[in-house]
N, C-alpha and C. Protein backbone atom coordinates (compact mmCIF):
# COMPACT_ATOMS: atom_id res chain seq x y z
N MET A 1 0.81 -1.17 0.12
CA MET A 1 0.15 0.03 0.10
C MET A 1 0.55 1.23 -0.02
N ARG A 2 0.40 2.26 -0.83
CA ARG A 2 1.12 3.37 -0.81
C ARG A 2 0.25 4.58 -0.44
N VAL A 3 0.97 5.54 0.58
CA VAL A 3 0.01 6.78 0.66
C VAL A 3 0.97 7.86 0.25
N ALA A 4 0.42 8.94 -0.46
CA ALA A 4 1.12 10.09 -0.74
C ALA A 4 0.83 11.20 -0.02
N VAL A 5 1.72 11.88 0.52
CA VAL A 5 1.13 13.27 1.18
C VAL A 5 2.02 14.42 0.35
N VAL A 6 0.74 15.09 -0.01
CA VAL A 6 0.92 16.34 -0.86
C VAL A 6 2.28 17.16 -0.17
N GLY A 7 3.34 17.10 -0.76
CA GLY A 7 4.44 17.89 -0.11
C GLY A 7 5.02 19.35 -0.45
N VAL A 8 3.95 20.01 -0.64
CA VAL A 8 4.24 21.51 -1.22
C VAL A 8 4.54 22.21 -0.09
N GLN A 9 3.83 22.40 1.03
CA GLN A 9 4.19 22.75 2.32
C GLN A 9 3.38 22.66 3.38
N GLY A 10 3.53 23.13 4.57
CA GLY A 10 2.77 22.79 5.87
C GLY A 10 3.22 21.72 6.50
N ALA A 11 2.68 20.91 7.17
CA ALA A 11 3.11 19.66 8.48
C ALA A 11 3.32 18.64 7.43
N VAL A 12 3.98 18.40 6.44
CA VAL A 12 4.10 17.28 5.47
C VAL A 12 5.15 16.33 6.52
N GLU A 13 6.02 16.41 6.97
CA GLU A 13 6.88 15.25 7.88
C GLU A 13 5.90 14.85 9.03
N GLU A 14 5.15 15.62 9.36
CA GLU A 14 4.33 15.22 10.76
C GLU A 14 3.34 14.31 10.24
N HIS A 15 3.07 14.23 8.85
CA HIS A 15 1.71 13.32 8.34
C HIS A 15 2.25 12.05 7.93
N VAL A 16 4.00 12.01 7.54
CA VAL A 16 4.41 10.99 7.07
C VAL A 16 4.49 10.11 8.56
N ILE A 17 5.26 10.58 9.43
CA ILE A 17 5.49 10.08 10.42
C ILE A 17 4.09 9.51 11.19
N ALA A 18 3.35 10.43 10.94
CA ALA A 18 1.74 9.84 11.82
C ALA A 18 1.59 8.47 11.08
N THR A 19 1.27 8.63 9.65
CA THR A 19 0.67 7.44 8.98
C THR A 19 1.63 6.36 8.71
N LYS A 20 2.75 6.41 8.83
CA LYS A 20 3.55 5.28 8.97
C LYS A 20 3.55 4.36 10.47
N LYS A 21 3.28 5.38 11.87
CA LYS A 21 2.90 4.76 12.63
C LYS A 21 1.60 4.24 12.65
N ALA A 22 0.73 4.79 12.04
CA ALA A 22 -0.70 4.16 12.05
C ALA A 22 -0.67 2.79 11.20
N MET A 23 0.03 2.84 10.06
CA MET A 23 0.48 1.66 9.39
C MET A 23 0.80 0.58 10.33
N LYS A 24 2.06 0.93 10.99
CA LYS A 24 2.28 -0.05 11.80
C LYS A 24 1.29 -0.84 12.95
N ASN A 25 0.83 0.12 13.50
CA ASN A 25 -0.30 -0.19 14.19
C ASN A 25 -1.33 -1.04 13.73
N LEU A 26 -1.59 -1.10 12.50
CA LEU A 26 -2.70 -1.66 11.98
C LEU A 26 -2.13 -2.77 11.07
N GLY A 27 -0.74 -3.30 10.99
CA GLY A 27 0.02 -4.27 10.47
C GLY A 27 -0.06 -4.29 9.16
N ILE A 28 -0.01 -2.76 8.51
CA ILE A 28 -0.23 -2.71 7.23
C ILE A 28 1.30 -2.60 6.48
N ASP A 29 1.50 -3.03 5.38
CA ASP A 29 2.99 -3.32 4.72
C ASP A 29 2.79 -2.09 3.73
N GLY A 30 3.34 -1.02 3.60
CA GLY A 30 3.34 -0.25 2.92
C GLY A 30 4.66 1.22 3.03
N GLU A 31 4.17 2.29 1.96
CA GLU A 31 5.20 3.20 2.15
C GLU A 31 4.52 4.51 2.05
N VAL A 32 4.79 5.55 2.88
CA VAL A 32 4.50 6.65 2.75
C VAL A 32 5.43 7.85 2.02
N VAL A 33 5.18 8.53 0.92
CA VAL A 33 5.76 9.33 0.13
C VAL A 33 5.25 10.77 0.00
N ALA A 34 6.31 11.56 0.66
CA ALA A 34 6.08 12.98 0.27
C ALA A 34 6.49 13.48 -0.94
N THR A 35 5.37 14.26 -1.73
CA THR A 35 5.90 14.52 -3.16
C THR A 35 5.30 15.83 -3.40
N ARG A 36 6.02 16.51 -4.53
CA ARG A 36 5.60 17.72 -4.86
C ARG A 36 5.35 17.34 -6.54
N ARG A 37 5.61 16.22 -7.32
CA ARG A 37 5.78 16.04 -8.44
C ARG A 37 4.55 15.27 -8.78
N HIS A 38 4.48 15.71 -10.29
CA HIS A 38 3.04 14.93 -10.94
C HIS A 38 3.58 13.65 -11.09
N GLY A 39 2.51 12.38 -10.65
CA GLY A 39 2.78 11.21 -11.31
C GLY A 39 3.04 10.40 -10.00
N VAL A 40 2.96 11.07 -9.17
CA VAL A 40 2.93 10.07 -7.72
C VAL A 40 1.93 9.61 -7.14
N VAL A 41 1.06 10.96 -7.02
CA VAL A 41 -0.21 10.49 -6.23
C VAL A 41 -1.48 9.56 -7.24
N SER A 42 -1.17 9.75 -8.60
CA SER A 42 -1.81 8.49 -9.56
C SER A 42 -1.42 7.06 -9.17
N LYS A 43 -0.12 7.05 -8.71
CA LYS A 43 0.13 5.92 -8.44
C LYS A 43 -0.03 5.19 -6.95
N SER A 44 -0.73 6.09 -6.40
CA SER A 44 -0.89 5.71 -5.10
C SER A 44 -2.19 5.13 -4.54
N ASP A 45 -2.47 4.75 -3.31
CA ASP A 45 -3.75 4.43 -2.74
C ASP A 45 -4.46 4.86 -1.88
N ALA A 46 -3.98 6.15 -1.46
CA ALA A 46 -4.44 7.18 -0.89
C ALA A 46 -3.57 8.32 -0.81
N VAL A 47 -4.17 9.79 -0.82
CA VAL A 47 -3.60 10.65 -0.27
C VAL A 47 -4.01 11.63 0.57
N ILE A 48 -2.89 12.57 0.99
CA ILE A 48 -3.27 13.27 2.13
C ILE A 48 -2.78 14.78 1.68
N ILE A 49 -3.47 15.66 2.21
CA ILE A 49 -3.53 17.06 1.72
C ILE A 49 -3.20 17.80 3.28
N PRO A 50 -2.06 17.98 3.27
CA PRO A 50 -1.65 18.99 4.79
C PRO A 50 -2.53 20.21 4.76
N GLY A 51 -2.05 20.91 6.12
CA GLY A 51 -2.07 22.29 6.27
C GLY A 51 -1.07 22.94 5.70
N GLY A 52 -1.21 24.38 5.91
CA GLY A 52 -0.27 25.24 5.12
C GLY A 52 -0.95 26.40 4.90
N GLU A 53 -0.57 27.32 3.67
CA GLU A 53 -1.18 28.33 3.24
C GLU A 53 -2.32 28.00 1.78
N SER A 54 -3.29 28.20 1.83
CA SER A 54 -4.57 27.29 1.14
C SER A 54 -3.97 27.91 -0.20
N THR A 55 -3.76 29.10 -0.32
CA THR A 55 -3.87 29.95 -1.63
C THR A 55 -2.40 29.31 -2.55
N THR A 56 -1.19 29.07 -1.80
CA THR A 56 -0.09 28.72 -2.30
C THR A 56 -0.36 27.32 -2.48
N ILE A 57 -0.53 26.32 -1.57
CA ILE A 57 -0.98 25.00 -2.08
C ILE A 57 -1.58 24.95 -3.35
N SER A 58 -2.62 25.63 -3.25
CA SER A 58 -3.66 25.43 -4.66
C SER A 58 -2.68 25.84 -5.86
N LYS A 59 -2.04 26.94 -5.89
CA LYS A 59 -1.39 27.33 -6.92
C LYS A 59 -0.49 26.40 -7.57
N LEU A 60 0.12 25.63 -6.54
CA LEU A 60 1.23 24.81 -6.96
C LEU A 60 0.67 23.42 -7.40
N ILE A 61 -0.63 22.92 -6.60
CA ILE A 61 -1.01 21.78 -7.37
C ILE A 61 -1.80 21.58 -8.52
N PHE A 62 -2.24 23.09 -8.84
CA PHE A 62 -3.00 23.15 -9.93
C PHE A 62 -1.83 23.34 -11.01
N ARG A 63 -0.76 24.07 -10.84
CA ARG A 63 0.12 24.05 -11.82
C ARG A 63 0.71 23.28 -12.28
N ASP A 64 1.14 22.30 -11.31
CA ASP A 64 1.94 20.91 -11.57
C ASP A 64 1.27 19.72 -11.72
N SER A 65 0.18 19.94 -12.11
CA SER A 65 -1.05 18.88 -12.43
C SER A 65 -1.12 17.95 -11.21
N ILE A 66 -1.02 18.15 -10.23
CA ILE A 66 -1.15 16.93 -9.05
C ILE A 66 -2.54 17.38 -8.65
N ALA A 67 -3.30 18.40 -9.13
CA ALA A 67 -4.66 18.89 -8.53
C ALA A 67 -5.77 17.65 -9.55
N SER A 68 -5.65 17.63 -10.71
CA SER A 68 -6.16 16.80 -11.35
C SER A 68 -5.88 14.98 -11.16
N GLU A 69 -4.92 14.80 -10.32
CA GLU A 69 -4.55 13.53 -10.08
C GLU A 69 -5.32 13.16 -8.70
N ILE A 70 -5.28 14.41 -7.97
CA ILE A 70 -6.08 13.89 -6.56
C ILE A 70 -7.47 13.67 -6.96
N ILE A 71 -8.23 14.72 -7.71
CA ILE A 71 -9.58 14.43 -8.37
C ILE A 71 -9.76 12.95 -8.80
N GLU A 72 -8.75 12.57 -9.57
CA GLU A 72 -9.07 11.32 -10.39
C GLU A 72 -9.23 10.11 -9.07
N LEU A 73 -8.01 10.10 -8.43
CA LEU A 73 -7.71 9.39 -7.28
C LEU A 73 -9.15 9.33 -6.41
N ALA A 74 -9.53 10.50 -6.09
CA ALA A 74 -10.95 10.71 -5.22
C ALA A 74 -12.10 10.00 -5.72
N GLU A 75 -12.10 10.00 -7.16
CA GLU A 75 -13.47 9.85 -8.08
C GLU A 75 -13.32 8.19 -8.27
N SER A 76 -12.21 7.78 -8.24
CA SER A 76 -12.05 6.15 -8.37
C SER A 76 -12.19 5.48 -7.45
N GLY A 77 -12.52 6.17 -5.81
CA GLY A 77 -13.05 5.66 -4.93
C GLY A 77 -11.96 5.53 -3.65
N LYS A 78 -10.81 5.92 -4.31
CA LYS A 78 -9.92 5.86 -3.12
C LYS A 78 -9.57 6.89 -2.18
N PRO A 79 -9.36 6.65 -0.82
CA PRO A 79 -9.29 8.01 0.28
C PRO A 79 -8.25 8.81 0.11
N VAL A 80 -9.17 9.84 0.54
CA VAL A 80 -8.19 11.40 0.49
C VAL A 80 -8.80 12.09 1.80
N MET A 81 -7.55 12.43 2.28
CA MET A 81 -8.03 13.61 3.50
C MET A 81 -7.15 14.77 3.38
N GLY A 82 -7.76 15.35 3.76
CA GLY A 82 -7.34 16.92 3.87
C GLY A 82 -7.60 17.51 5.64
N THR A 83 -6.32 18.11 5.82
CA THR A 83 -6.53 18.86 6.98
C THR A 83 -6.02 20.16 6.87
N CYS A 84 -6.78 21.16 7.85
CA CYS A 84 -6.82 22.37 7.81
C CYS A 84 -6.87 22.84 6.35
N ALA A 85 -5.77 23.58 5.79
CA ALA A 85 -5.56 23.93 4.22
C ALA A 85 -6.13 23.30 3.45
N GLY A 86 -5.94 21.80 3.96
CA GLY A 86 -6.37 20.83 3.07
C GLY A 86 -7.87 20.52 2.84
N LEU A 87 -8.52 20.95 3.78
CA LEU A 87 -9.93 20.94 4.21
C LEU A 87 -10.45 21.95 3.16
N ILE A 88 -9.85 23.07 3.22
CA ILE A 88 -9.94 24.18 2.29
C ILE A 88 -10.10 23.93 1.20
N LEU A 89 -8.92 23.07 0.60
CA LEU A 89 -8.78 22.74 -0.96
C LEU A 89 -9.86 21.73 -1.38
N LEU A 90 -10.29 20.64 -0.38
CA LEU A 90 -11.68 19.75 -0.84
C LEU A 90 -12.85 20.30 -1.17
N SER A 91 -12.89 21.60 -0.63
CA SER A 91 -14.05 21.86 -0.63
C SER A 91 -14.74 22.45 -1.84
N LYS A 92 -16.01 22.38 -2.07
CA LYS A 92 -16.90 22.73 -3.14
C LYS A 92 -17.28 24.30 -3.07
N HIS A 93 -17.36 24.67 -1.88
CA HIS A 93 -18.14 26.22 -1.81
C HIS A 93 -17.09 26.95 -0.74
N GLY A 94 -16.29 27.93 -1.26
CA GLY A 94 -15.18 28.83 -0.75
C GLY A 94 -15.99 30.21 0.02
N ASP A 95 -15.50 30.90 0.87
CA ASP A 95 -16.13 31.94 1.55
C ASP A 95 -15.41 33.27 0.48
N GLU A 96 -15.78 34.72 1.22
CA GLU A 96 -15.43 35.59 0.18
C GLU A 96 -13.55 35.68 0.51
N GLN A 97 -13.45 35.00 1.46
CA GLN A 97 -11.51 35.09 1.42
C GLN A 97 -11.04 34.10 0.52
N VAL A 98 -11.39 33.10 0.19
CA VAL A 98 -11.45 32.18 -0.84
C VAL A 98 -11.58 32.88 -2.27
N GLU A 99 -12.65 33.44 -2.46
CA GLU A 99 -13.00 34.57 -3.64
C GLU A 99 -11.59 35.54 -4.05
N LYS A 100 -11.67 36.31 -2.61
CA LYS A 100 -11.03 37.38 -3.00
C LYS A 100 -9.18 36.97 -3.39
N THR A 101 -8.98 35.98 -2.72
CA THR A 101 -7.44 35.36 -3.34
C THR A 101 -7.36 34.59 -4.52
N LYS A 102 -8.87 34.25 -4.90
CA LYS A 102 -8.82 33.76 -6.32
C LYS A 102 -8.38 32.29 -6.12
N THR A 103 -8.51 31.53 -4.90
CA THR A 103 -8.02 30.19 -4.44
C THR A 103 -8.89 29.22 -5.37
N LYS A 104 -8.31 28.61 -6.11
CA LYS A 104 -9.00 27.28 -6.96
C LYS A 104 -9.04 26.43 -6.01
N LEU A 105 -10.38 25.64 -6.06
CA LEU A 105 -10.53 24.71 -4.91
C LEU A 105 -10.68 23.37 -5.90
N LEU A 106 -10.56 22.15 -5.04
CA LEU A 106 -10.57 20.85 -5.77
C LEU A 106 -12.38 20.62 -6.04
N GLY A 107 -12.90 20.93 -5.00
CA GLY A 107 -14.63 20.73 -5.02
C GLY A 107 -14.89 19.37 -4.88
N LEU A 108 -14.27 18.71 -3.94
CA LEU A 108 -14.60 16.96 -3.83
C LEU A 108 -15.39 17.04 -2.85
N LEU A 109 -15.57 17.71 -1.68
CA LEU A 109 -16.73 17.78 -0.49
C LEU A 109 -17.84 18.91 -0.52
N ASP A 110 -18.82 18.37 -0.80
CA ASP A 110 -19.86 19.18 -0.47
C ASP A 110 -20.29 20.13 0.39
N VAL A 111 -19.37 20.89 1.04
CA VAL A 111 -19.33 21.52 2.07
C VAL A 111 -18.89 23.24 1.97
N TRP A 112 -19.30 23.97 2.83
CA TRP A 112 -19.34 25.48 2.72
C TRP A 112 -18.28 25.77 3.73
N ILE A 113 -17.11 26.39 3.18
CA ILE A 113 -16.12 26.37 4.22
C ILE A 113 -15.68 28.02 4.62
N LYS A 114 -15.27 28.19 5.90
CA LYS A 114 -14.70 29.65 6.64
C LYS A 114 -13.38 29.51 6.53
N ARG A 115 -12.78 30.28 5.87
CA ARG A 115 -11.51 30.46 6.33
C ARG A 115 -10.99 31.27 7.63
N ASN A 116 -9.89 30.97 8.26
CA ASN A 116 -9.82 31.50 9.68
C ASN A 116 -10.73 31.50 10.41
N ALA A 117 -11.62 30.72 10.46
CA ALA A 117 -13.06 30.99 11.54
C ALA A 117 -12.87 31.17 12.61
N PHE A 118 -11.88 30.98 13.18
CA PHE A 118 -11.79 31.05 14.60
C PHE A 118 -10.88 32.15 15.15
N GLY A 119 -10.39 33.00 14.02
CA GLY A 119 -9.71 34.30 14.06
C GLY A 119 -8.32 34.16 14.13
N ARG A 120 -7.56 34.96 14.23
CA ARG A 120 -5.92 35.14 14.41
C ARG A 120 -5.55 35.67 15.88
N GLN A 121 -6.56 36.15 16.60
CA GLN A 121 -6.02 36.74 17.92
C GLN A 121 -5.81 35.42 18.52
N ARG A 122 -6.39 34.23 18.57
CA ARG A 122 -6.18 33.44 19.47
C ARG A 122 -5.44 32.07 18.42
N GLU A 123 -4.39 32.05 17.53
CA GLU A 123 -4.23 31.68 16.61
C GLU A 123 -3.93 29.84 16.79
N SER A 124 -3.65 29.07 18.18
CA SER A 124 -3.92 28.01 18.29
C SER A 124 -4.10 27.52 19.57
N PHE A 125 -4.95 26.62 19.48
CA PHE A 125 -5.46 26.03 20.89
C PHE A 125 -5.88 24.50 20.78
N GLN A 126 -5.86 24.06 21.66
CA GLN A 126 -6.23 22.64 21.75
C GLN A 126 -7.24 22.19 22.34
N VAL A 127 -8.54 21.28 21.89
CA VAL A 127 -9.41 20.90 22.57
C VAL A 127 -9.92 19.60 22.53
N LYS A 128 -10.49 19.11 23.61
CA LYS A 128 -10.95 17.43 23.21
C LYS A 128 -12.31 17.75 22.58
N LEU A 129 -12.24 16.70 21.32
CA LEU A 129 -13.26 16.65 20.65
C LEU A 129 -13.86 15.14 20.73
N ASN A 130 -15.52 15.36 20.54
CA ASN A 130 -15.89 14.12 20.05
C ASN A 130 -15.86 13.67 18.95
N VAL A 131 -15.17 12.86 18.12
CA VAL A 131 -15.22 12.63 16.86
C VAL A 131 -15.79 10.94 16.50
N LYS A 132 -16.81 11.19 15.71
CA LYS A 132 -17.72 9.85 15.26
C LYS A 132 -16.61 9.19 14.71
N HIS A 133 -16.67 7.78 14.96
CA HIS A 133 -16.14 6.29 14.86
C HIS A 133 -14.76 6.36 15.54
N ILE A 134 -14.09 7.39 16.08
CA ILE A 134 -12.76 7.67 16.70
C ILE A 134 -13.12 7.83 18.22
N GLY A 135 -13.98 8.43 18.77
CA GLY A 135 -14.21 8.53 20.07
C GLY A 135 -13.38 10.23 20.45
N GLU A 136 -13.07 10.08 21.90
CA GLU A 136 -12.62 11.61 22.45
C GLU A 136 -11.32 11.67 21.45
N PHE A 137 -10.79 13.04 21.01
CA PHE A 137 -9.66 12.95 20.19
C PHE A 137 -9.07 14.66 20.75
N ASP A 138 -7.55 14.63 21.06
CA ASP A 138 -7.30 15.97 21.32
C ASP A 138 -7.06 16.61 20.11
N ALA A 139 -7.58 17.73 19.73
CA ALA A 139 -7.68 18.44 18.39
C ALA A 139 -6.84 19.54 18.53
N VAL A 140 -5.46 19.71 17.83
CA VAL A 140 -5.00 20.90 17.58
C VAL A 140 -5.49 21.71 16.50
N PHE A 141 -5.78 22.93 16.78
CA PHE A 141 -6.44 23.98 15.83
C PHE A 141 -5.34 24.99 15.73
N ILE A 142 -4.91 25.35 14.45
CA ILE A 142 -3.76 26.32 14.17
C ILE A 142 -4.42 27.62 12.99
N ARG A 143 -5.04 28.46 13.52
CA ARG A 143 -5.46 29.26 12.39
C ARG A 143 -6.47 28.79 11.61
N ALA A 144 -7.41 28.00 12.34
CA ALA A 144 -8.32 26.95 11.37
C ALA A 144 -9.37 27.48 10.58
N PRO A 145 -9.78 26.80 9.60
CA PRO A 145 -10.62 27.15 9.16
C PRO A 145 -12.01 26.20 9.78
N ALA A 146 -13.02 26.45 9.35
CA ALA A 146 -14.39 25.53 9.78
C ALA A 146 -15.37 25.54 8.72
N ILE A 147 -16.23 24.32 9.02
CA ILE A 147 -17.58 24.26 7.86
C ILE A 147 -18.89 24.98 8.38
N THR A 148 -19.41 25.41 7.87
CA THR A 148 -20.54 26.15 8.01
C THR A 148 -21.79 25.51 7.77
N LYS A 149 -21.76 24.56 6.96
CA LYS A 149 -22.77 24.05 6.18
C LYS A 149 -22.50 22.62 5.08
N VAL A 150 -23.21 21.63 5.26
CA VAL A 150 -22.93 20.77 4.43
C VAL A 150 -23.88 20.00 3.77
N GLY A 151 -23.57 19.37 2.16
CA GLY A 151 -24.21 19.00 1.74
C GLY A 151 -25.15 17.55 2.11
N GLU A 152 -26.23 17.33 1.53
CA GLU A 152 -26.76 15.99 2.17
C GLU A 152 -26.05 14.94 2.12
N ARG A 153 -25.09 14.59 1.05
CA ARG A 153 -24.35 13.33 1.42
C ARG A 153 -23.05 13.80 1.96
N VAL A 154 -23.04 14.64 3.20
CA VAL A 154 -21.81 14.64 4.03
C VAL A 154 -22.12 13.90 5.22
N GLU A 155 -21.46 13.14 5.70
CA GLU A 155 -21.54 12.91 7.22
C GLU A 155 -20.73 14.11 8.35
N VAL A 156 -21.43 14.43 9.24
CA VAL A 156 -20.39 15.39 10.18
C VAL A 156 -20.02 14.38 11.23
N LEU A 157 -18.58 14.48 11.33
CA LEU A 157 -18.23 13.70 12.20
C LEU A 157 -17.72 14.50 13.81
N ALA A 158 -17.42 15.82 13.58
CA ALA A 158 -16.99 16.24 14.65
C ALA A 158 -17.71 18.26 14.86
N THR A 159 -18.21 18.76 15.90
CA THR A 159 -18.29 20.11 15.99
C THR A 159 -17.68 20.66 16.92
N PHE A 160 -17.71 21.96 17.00
CA PHE A 160 -16.91 22.66 18.09
C PHE A 160 -17.58 24.08 17.82
N GLU A 161 -17.95 24.57 19.21
CA GLU A 161 -18.82 25.58 19.53
C GLU A 161 -19.91 25.43 18.27
N ASP A 162 -20.19 26.73 17.22
CA ASP A 162 -20.96 26.52 16.26
C ASP A 162 -20.59 25.98 15.08
N TYR A 163 -19.46 25.68 14.97
CA TYR A 163 -18.80 25.23 13.72
C TYR A 163 -18.80 23.60 13.32
N ILE A 164 -18.85 23.14 12.60
CA ILE A 164 -18.22 21.74 11.96
C ILE A 164 -16.98 21.62 11.78
N VAL A 165 -16.39 20.68 12.39
CA VAL A 165 -14.68 20.75 11.86
C VAL A 165 -13.91 19.39 11.62
N ALA A 166 -15.08 18.25 11.30
CA ALA A 166 -14.71 17.05 10.75
C ALA A 166 -15.86 16.65 9.92
N VAL A 167 -15.44 16.08 8.87
CA VAL A 167 -16.64 15.30 8.29
C VAL A 167 -16.02 14.38 6.97
N GLN A 168 -16.90 13.77 6.58
CA GLN A 168 -16.63 12.54 5.43
C GLN A 168 -17.75 12.50 4.57
N GLN A 169 -17.26 12.27 3.24
CA GLN A 169 -18.37 12.05 2.50
C GLN A 169 -17.62 11.09 1.43
N ASP A 170 -18.38 9.80 1.55
CA ASP A 170 -17.83 8.64 1.00
C ASP A 170 -16.73 8.36 1.40
N ASN A 171 -15.30 8.37 0.61
CA ASN A 171 -13.97 8.07 0.54
C ASN A 171 -13.06 9.43 1.13
N ILE A 172 -13.91 10.50 1.16
CA ILE A 172 -13.01 11.69 1.31
C ILE A 172 -13.41 12.12 3.16
N LEU A 173 -12.30 12.35 3.69
CA LEU A 173 -12.20 13.09 5.02
C LEU A 173 -11.70 14.48 5.07
N GLY A 174 -12.33 15.12 5.58
CA GLY A 174 -11.98 16.59 5.78
C GLY A 174 -11.96 16.83 7.34
N LEU A 175 -10.76 17.55 7.66
CA LEU A 175 -10.70 17.99 9.14
C LEU A 175 -9.75 19.38 9.43
N ALA A 176 -10.82 20.32 10.04
CA ALA A 176 -10.32 21.45 10.30
C ALA A 176 -9.18 21.71 11.41
N PHE A 177 -8.68 20.41 11.95
CA PHE A 177 -7.49 20.54 12.87
C PHE A 177 -6.44 19.59 12.26
N HIS A 178 -5.60 19.22 13.26
CA HIS A 178 -4.27 18.65 13.02
C HIS A 178 -4.10 17.71 13.71
N PRO A 179 -4.40 16.33 12.77
CA PRO A 179 -4.28 15.26 14.09
C PRO A 179 -3.03 14.89 14.00
N GLU A 180 -2.18 15.09 12.91
CA GLU A 180 -0.47 14.50 12.92
C GLU A 180 0.36 15.40 13.94
N LEU A 181 -0.16 16.22 14.75
CA LEU A 181 0.35 17.14 15.87
C LEU A 181 0.17 16.36 17.02
N THR A 182 -0.48 15.36 16.93
CA THR A 182 -0.61 14.52 18.13
C THR A 182 0.13 13.29 18.34
N ASP A 183 0.36 12.70 19.20
CA ASP A 183 0.75 11.14 19.27
C ASP A 183 -0.17 10.08 18.78
N ASP A 184 -1.34 10.57 18.78
CA ASP A 184 -2.64 10.00 18.73
C ASP A 184 -2.81 9.50 17.17
N THR A 185 -2.75 7.95 16.89
CA THR A 185 -2.81 7.81 15.19
C THR A 185 -4.10 7.28 14.76
N ARG A 186 -5.22 7.36 15.72
CA ARG A 186 -6.47 6.72 15.35
C ARG A 186 -7.24 7.33 14.25
N ILE A 187 -6.80 8.92 13.96
CA ILE A 187 -7.57 9.12 12.67
C ILE A 187 -6.82 8.72 11.57
N HIS A 188 -5.37 8.63 11.55
CA HIS A 188 -4.81 8.17 10.47
C HIS A 188 -5.10 6.70 10.21
N GLU A 189 -5.46 5.95 11.29
CA GLU A 189 -5.73 4.42 11.04
C GLU A 189 -6.98 4.36 10.53
N TYR A 190 -7.89 5.26 10.90
CA TYR A 190 -9.22 5.47 10.24
C TYR A 190 -9.41 5.27 9.15
N PHE A 191 -8.64 6.49 8.59
CA PHE A 191 -8.10 6.71 7.05
C PHE A 191 -7.71 5.52 6.31
N LEU A 192 -7.12 4.98 6.80
CA LEU A 192 -6.10 3.86 6.23
C LEU A 192 -6.90 2.68 6.05
N LYS A 193 -8.08 2.41 6.88
CA LYS A 193 -9.05 1.47 6.60
C LYS A 193 -9.85 1.73 5.80
N LEU A 194 -10.30 2.88 5.20
CA LEU A 194 -10.92 3.29 4.18
C LEU A 194 -10.33 2.51 2.61
N ALA A 195 -8.80 2.65 2.89
CA ALA A 195 -8.18 2.03 1.75
C ALA A 195 -7.92 0.82 1.72
N ASN A 196 -8.23 0.33 2.97
CA ASN A 196 -7.60 -1.45 2.94
C ASN A 196 -9.12 -2.00 3.80
N PRO A 197 -10.57 -1.83 3.45
CA PRO A 197 -11.26 -1.93 4.15
C PRO A 197 -11.01 -3.79 4.89
């Protein structure tokens, strides 16, 4: 099994480490590759889009034809996970900030996204969330986006305050927080099980 982590910017190495640990815990034989090149995602069984700056990541993945590979992979039923900025990129509906920065979205998750939903003044915080299919999870939010509304095929996995912060639509997982910044690999394990049911 091969998992690609889109290595344009953001918490790339942390996702690689967390995914390798999750594979080990599940007894899955495979490799985790960080990539910024065209041709790697299409040969993978799953892909992760980490956090970072969504406008920058968007420009680079569309420029380097990685975006089309992610879309094809998702449409073939293979799992895709986006965290923080990755969630923004997976979304179908952006907010005015997304429009203002002309950020191109992948449009794979039928959700309405709000960038920097928790404001910049308390840029990062940690909170215990009850995540469906996972249980209680220590979630790290860093200048996080949030979901304000979901389409009918989207399952809400977690909420915080008035926002939706984790969703699943078939084989696609979107998280407003950073599961790779904790030692808890249960979300990565859940993601891998989607590839290897």
